[in-house]
Amino acid sequence: MRLLILAVAIMLVAAPAMAETCQYNTPWGVLTLHFNYNNNTFSGDYPHHSGQVMGVLTGSSAKGQWAQSDGSGSLLFNFHKAGFQGKWNNASDKNWRGDWNGKLIRCWQ
């Protein structure tokens, strides 16, 4: 019995990080997001002005920052089965500036 418990404990410690990558069709091109569920973070990129995103996951929501060659700001995404609904602003804005919605293309691990 002790050997079985030890084997399970070793497997849990050696398990790879739970991660997933998904692509979404957005107004700024295909957004590729990498989700790390071990530390509840995400990062990604999109083609418009070499855009990049990163932030924190809370349930089905993502809050973070975007950066492009011509600016930066904040984002908020709420995920659903078919993609996400979101909004964004520039770093200098106090209020949300516009929508940033995405339709799910595919996911993989």
C-alpha atoms as a PDB file:
ATOM      1  CA  MET A   1       0.000   0.000   0.000  1.00  0.00           C
ATOM      2  CA  ARG A   2       2.822   2.424   0.844  1.00  0.00           C
ATOM      3  CA  LEU A   3       4.418   1.697  -2.526  1.00  0.00           C
ATOM      4  CA  LEU A   4       1.167   2.569  -4.325  1.00  0.00           C
ATOM      5  CA  ILE A   5       0.824   5.865  -2.414  1.00  0.00           C
ATOM      6  CA  LEU A   6       4.456   6.716  -3.184  1.00  0.00           C
ATOM      7  CA  ALA A   7       3.971   5.930  -6.889  1.00  0.00           C
ATOM      8  CA  VAL A   8       0.868   8.161  -7.079  1.00  0.00           C
ATOM      9  CA  ALA A   9       2.690  10.989  -5.265  1.00  0.00           C
ATOM     10  CA  ILE A  10       5.620  10.781  -7.695  1.00  0.00           C
ATOM     11  CA  MET A  11       3.253  10.838 -10.681  1.00  0.00           C
ATOM     12  CA  LEU A  12       1.515  13.952  -9.346  1.00  0.00           C
ATOM     13  CA  VAL A  13       4.778  15.792  -8.787  1.00  0.00           C
ATOM     14  CA  ALA A  14       6.100  14.822 -12.232  1.00  0.00           C
ATOM     15  CA  ALA A  15       2.862  15.656 -14.098  1.00  0.00           C
ATOM     16  CA  PRO A  16       3.255  18.246 -16.847  1.00  0.00           C
ATOM     17  CA  ALA A  17       1.648  21.676 -16.516  1.00  0.00           C
ATOM     18  CA  MET A  18      -1.980  21.839 -17.562  1.00  0.00           C
ATOM     19  CA  ALA A  19      -1.926  24.079 -20.608  1.00  0.00           C
ATOM     20  CA  GLU A  20      -4.040  24.660 -23.671  1.00  0.00           C
ATOM     21  CA  THR A  21      -3.727  26.814 -26.764  1.00  0.00           C
ATOM     22  CA  CYS A  22      -6.735  28.267 -28.600  1.00  0.00           C
ATOM     23  CA  GLN A  23      -7.154  30.437 -31.669  1.00  0.00           C
ATOM     24  CA  TYR A  24      -9.901  33.032 -32.141  1.00  0.00           C
ATOM     25  CA  ASN A  25     -10.963  35.054 -35.155  1.00  0.00           C
ATOM     26  CA  THR A  26     -11.047  38.735 -34.086  1.00  0.00           C
ATOM     27  CA  PRO A  27     -11.244  42.150 -35.795  1.00  0.00           C
ATOM     28  CA  TRP A  28      -7.436  42.379 -35.394  1.00  0.00           C
ATOM     29  CA  GLY A  29      -6.678  39.015 -36.964  1.00  0.00           C
ATOM     30  CA  VAL A  30      -6.303  35.553 -35.450  1.00  0.00           C
ATOM     31  CA  LEU A  31      -5.583  35.799 -31.738  1.00  0.00           C
ATOM     32  CA  THR A  32      -3.641  32.801 -30.416  1.00  0.00           C
ATOM     33  CA  LEU A  33      -3.956  32.391 -26.638  1.00  0.00           C
ATOM     34  CA  HIS A  34      -1.874  30.080 -24.451  1.00  0.00           C
ATOM     35  CA  PHE A  35      -3.649  29.213 -21.183  1.00  0.00           C
ATOM     36  CA  ASN A  36      -1.668  27.950 -18.187  1.00  0.00           C
ATOM     37  CA  TYR A  37      -4.186  26.531 -15.721  1.00  0.00           C
ATOM     38  CA  ASN A  38      -1.553  25.741 -13.080  1.00  0.00           C
ATOM     39  CA  ASN A  39      -0.967  29.418 -12.350  1.00  0.00           C
ATOM     40  CA  ASN A  40      -4.157  30.860 -13.939  1.00  0.00           C
ATOM     41  CA  THR A  41      -2.362  32.984 -16.523  1.00  0.00           C
ATOM     42  CA  PHE A  42      -2.587  33.507 -20.261  1.00  0.00           C
ATOM     43  CA  SER A  43      -0.420  34.994 -22.980  1.00  0.00           C
ATOM     44  CA  GLY A  44      -0.747  35.309 -26.699  1.00  0.00           C
ATOM     45  CA  ASP A  45      -0.292  37.230 -29.912  1.00  0.00           C
ATOM     46  CA  TYR A  46      -2.156  38.569 -32.931  1.00  0.00           C
ATOM     47  CA  PRO A  47      -0.916  40.034 -36.239  1.00  0.00           C
ATOM     48  CA  HIS A  48      -2.207  43.636 -35.988  1.00  0.00           C
ATOM     49  CA  HIS A  49       0.891  45.792 -35.318  1.00  0.00           C
ATOM     50  CA  SER A  50       2.682  42.731 -33.803  1.00  0.00           C
ATOM     51  CA  GLY A  51       0.184  42.584 -30.930  1.00  0.00           C
ATOM     52  CA  GLN A  52       0.760  40.653 -27.711  1.00  0.00           C
ATOM     53  CA  VAL A  53      -1.482  39.980 -24.710  1.00  0.00           C
ATOM     54  CA  MET A  54      -0.955  38.624 -21.207  1.00  0.00           C
ATOM     55  CA  GLY A  55      -2.871  38.462 -17.954  1.00  0.00           C
ATOM     56  CA  VAL A  56      -4.724  36.477 -15.307  1.00  0.00           C
ATOM     57  CA  LEU A  57      -7.601  33.998 -15.581  1.00  0.00           C
ATOM     58  CA  THR A  58     -10.462  34.001 -13.081  1.00  0.00           C
ATOM     59  CA  GLY A  59     -13.028  31.364 -13.895  1.00  0.00           C
ATOM     60  CA  SER A  60     -14.251  32.069 -17.436  1.00  0.00           C
ATOM     61  CA  SER A  61     -12.850  35.623 -17.461  1.00  0.00           C
ATOM     62  CA  ALA A  62      -9.457  37.000 -18.434  1.00  0.00           C
ATOM     63  CA  LYS A  63      -8.109  40.365 -17.351  1.00  0.00           C
ATOM     64  CA  GLY A  64      -4.831  41.673 -18.663  1.00  0.00           C
ATOM     65  CA  GLN A  65      -2.841  43.939 -20.922  1.00  0.00           C
ATOM     66  CA  TRP A  66      -2.258  44.247 -24.642  1.00  0.00           C
ATOM     67  CA  ALA A  67       0.719  45.822 -26.375  1.00  0.00           C
ATOM     68  CA  GLN A  68       1.364  46.659 -30.021  1.00  0.00           C
ATOM     69  CA  SER A  69       4.031  48.547 -31.924  1.00  0.00           C
ATOM     70  CA  ASP A  70       1.733  51.613 -31.774  1.00  0.00           C
ATOM     71  CA  GLY A  71       0.348  51.481 -28.221  1.00  0.00           C
ATOM     72  CA  SER A  72      -0.780  49.477 -25.208  1.00  0.00           C
ATOM     73  CA  GLY A  73      -3.654  49.156 -22.771  1.00  0.00           C
ATOM     74  CA  SER A  74      -5.957  46.860 -20.812  1.00  0.00           C
ATOM     75  CA  LEU A  75      -8.343  44.104 -21.851  1.00  0.00           C
ATOM     76  CA  LEU A  76     -11.171  42.087 -20.346  1.00  0.00           C
ATOM     77  CA  PHE A  77     -12.426  38.873 -21.985  1.00  0.00           C
ATOM     78  CA  ASN A  78     -15.403  36.737 -20.930  1.00  0.00           C
ATOM     79  CA  PHE A  79     -15.179  33.302 -22.510  1.00  0.00           C
ATOM     80  CA  HIS A  80     -18.109  31.161 -23.648  1.00  0.00           C
ATOM     81  CA  LYS A  81     -18.371  27.967 -25.663  1.00  0.00           C
ATOM     82  CA  ALA A  82     -18.172  29.709 -29.065  1.00  0.00           C
ATOM     83  CA  GLY A  83     -15.415  32.212 -28.197  1.00  0.00           C
ATOM     84  CA  PHE A  84     -15.311  35.354 -26.064  1.00  0.00           C
ATOM     85  CA  GLN A  85     -16.808  38.793 -25.650  1.00  0.00           C
ATOM     86  CA  GLY A  86     -14.437  41.470 -24.515  1.00  0.00           C
ATOM     87  CA  LYS A  87     -13.464  45.075 -24.300  1.00  0.00           C
ATOM     88  CA  TRP A  88     -10.257  47.093 -24.415  1.00  0.00           C
ATOM     89  CA  ASN A  89      -8.837  50.515 -23.707  1.00  0.00           C
ATOM     90  CA  ASN A  90      -5.638  52.461 -24.230  1.00  0.00           C
ATOM     91  CA  ALA A  91      -3.213  52.883 -21.360  1.00  0.00           C
ATOM     92  CA  SER A  92      -4.246  56.532 -20.999  1.00  0.00           C
ATOM     93  CA  ASP A  93      -8.029  55.799 -20.946  1.00  0.00           C
ATOM     94  CA  LYS A  94     -10.064  55.658 -17.748  1.00  0.00           C
ATOM     95  CA  ASN A  95     -13.042  54.007 -19.489  1.00  0.00           C
ATOM     96  CA  TRP A  96     -13.347  51.098 -21.891  1.00  0.00           C
ATOM     97  CA  ARG A  97     -12.893  52.214 -25.488  1.00  0.00           C
ATOM     98  CA  GLY A  98     -14.393  49.417 -27.598  1.00  0.00           C
ATOM     99  CA  ASP A  99     -15.347  45.785 -28.086  1.00  0.00           C
ATOM    100  CA  TRP A 100     -12.841  43.001 -28.632  1.00  0.00           C
ATOM    101  CA  ASN A 101     -14.793  39.842 -29.466  1.00  0.00           C
ATOM    102  CA  GLY A 102     -13.493  36.549 -30.781  1.00  0.00           C
ATOM    103  CA  LYS A 103     -15.003  33.490 -32.438  1.00  0.00           C
ATOM    104  CA  LEU A 104     -13.326  30.204 -31.507  1.00  0.00           C
ATOM    105  CA  ILE A 105     -11.442  28.578 -34.379  1.00  0.00           C
ATOM    106  CA  ARG A 106      -9.790  25.635 -32.580  1.00  0.00           C
ATOM    107  CA  CYS A 107      -7.998  24.499 -29.407  1.00  0.00           C
ATOM    108  CA  TRP A 108      -5.272  21.973 -28.716  1.00  0.00           C
ATOM    109  CA  GLN A 109      -2.992  20.832 -25.921  1.00  0.00           C
END
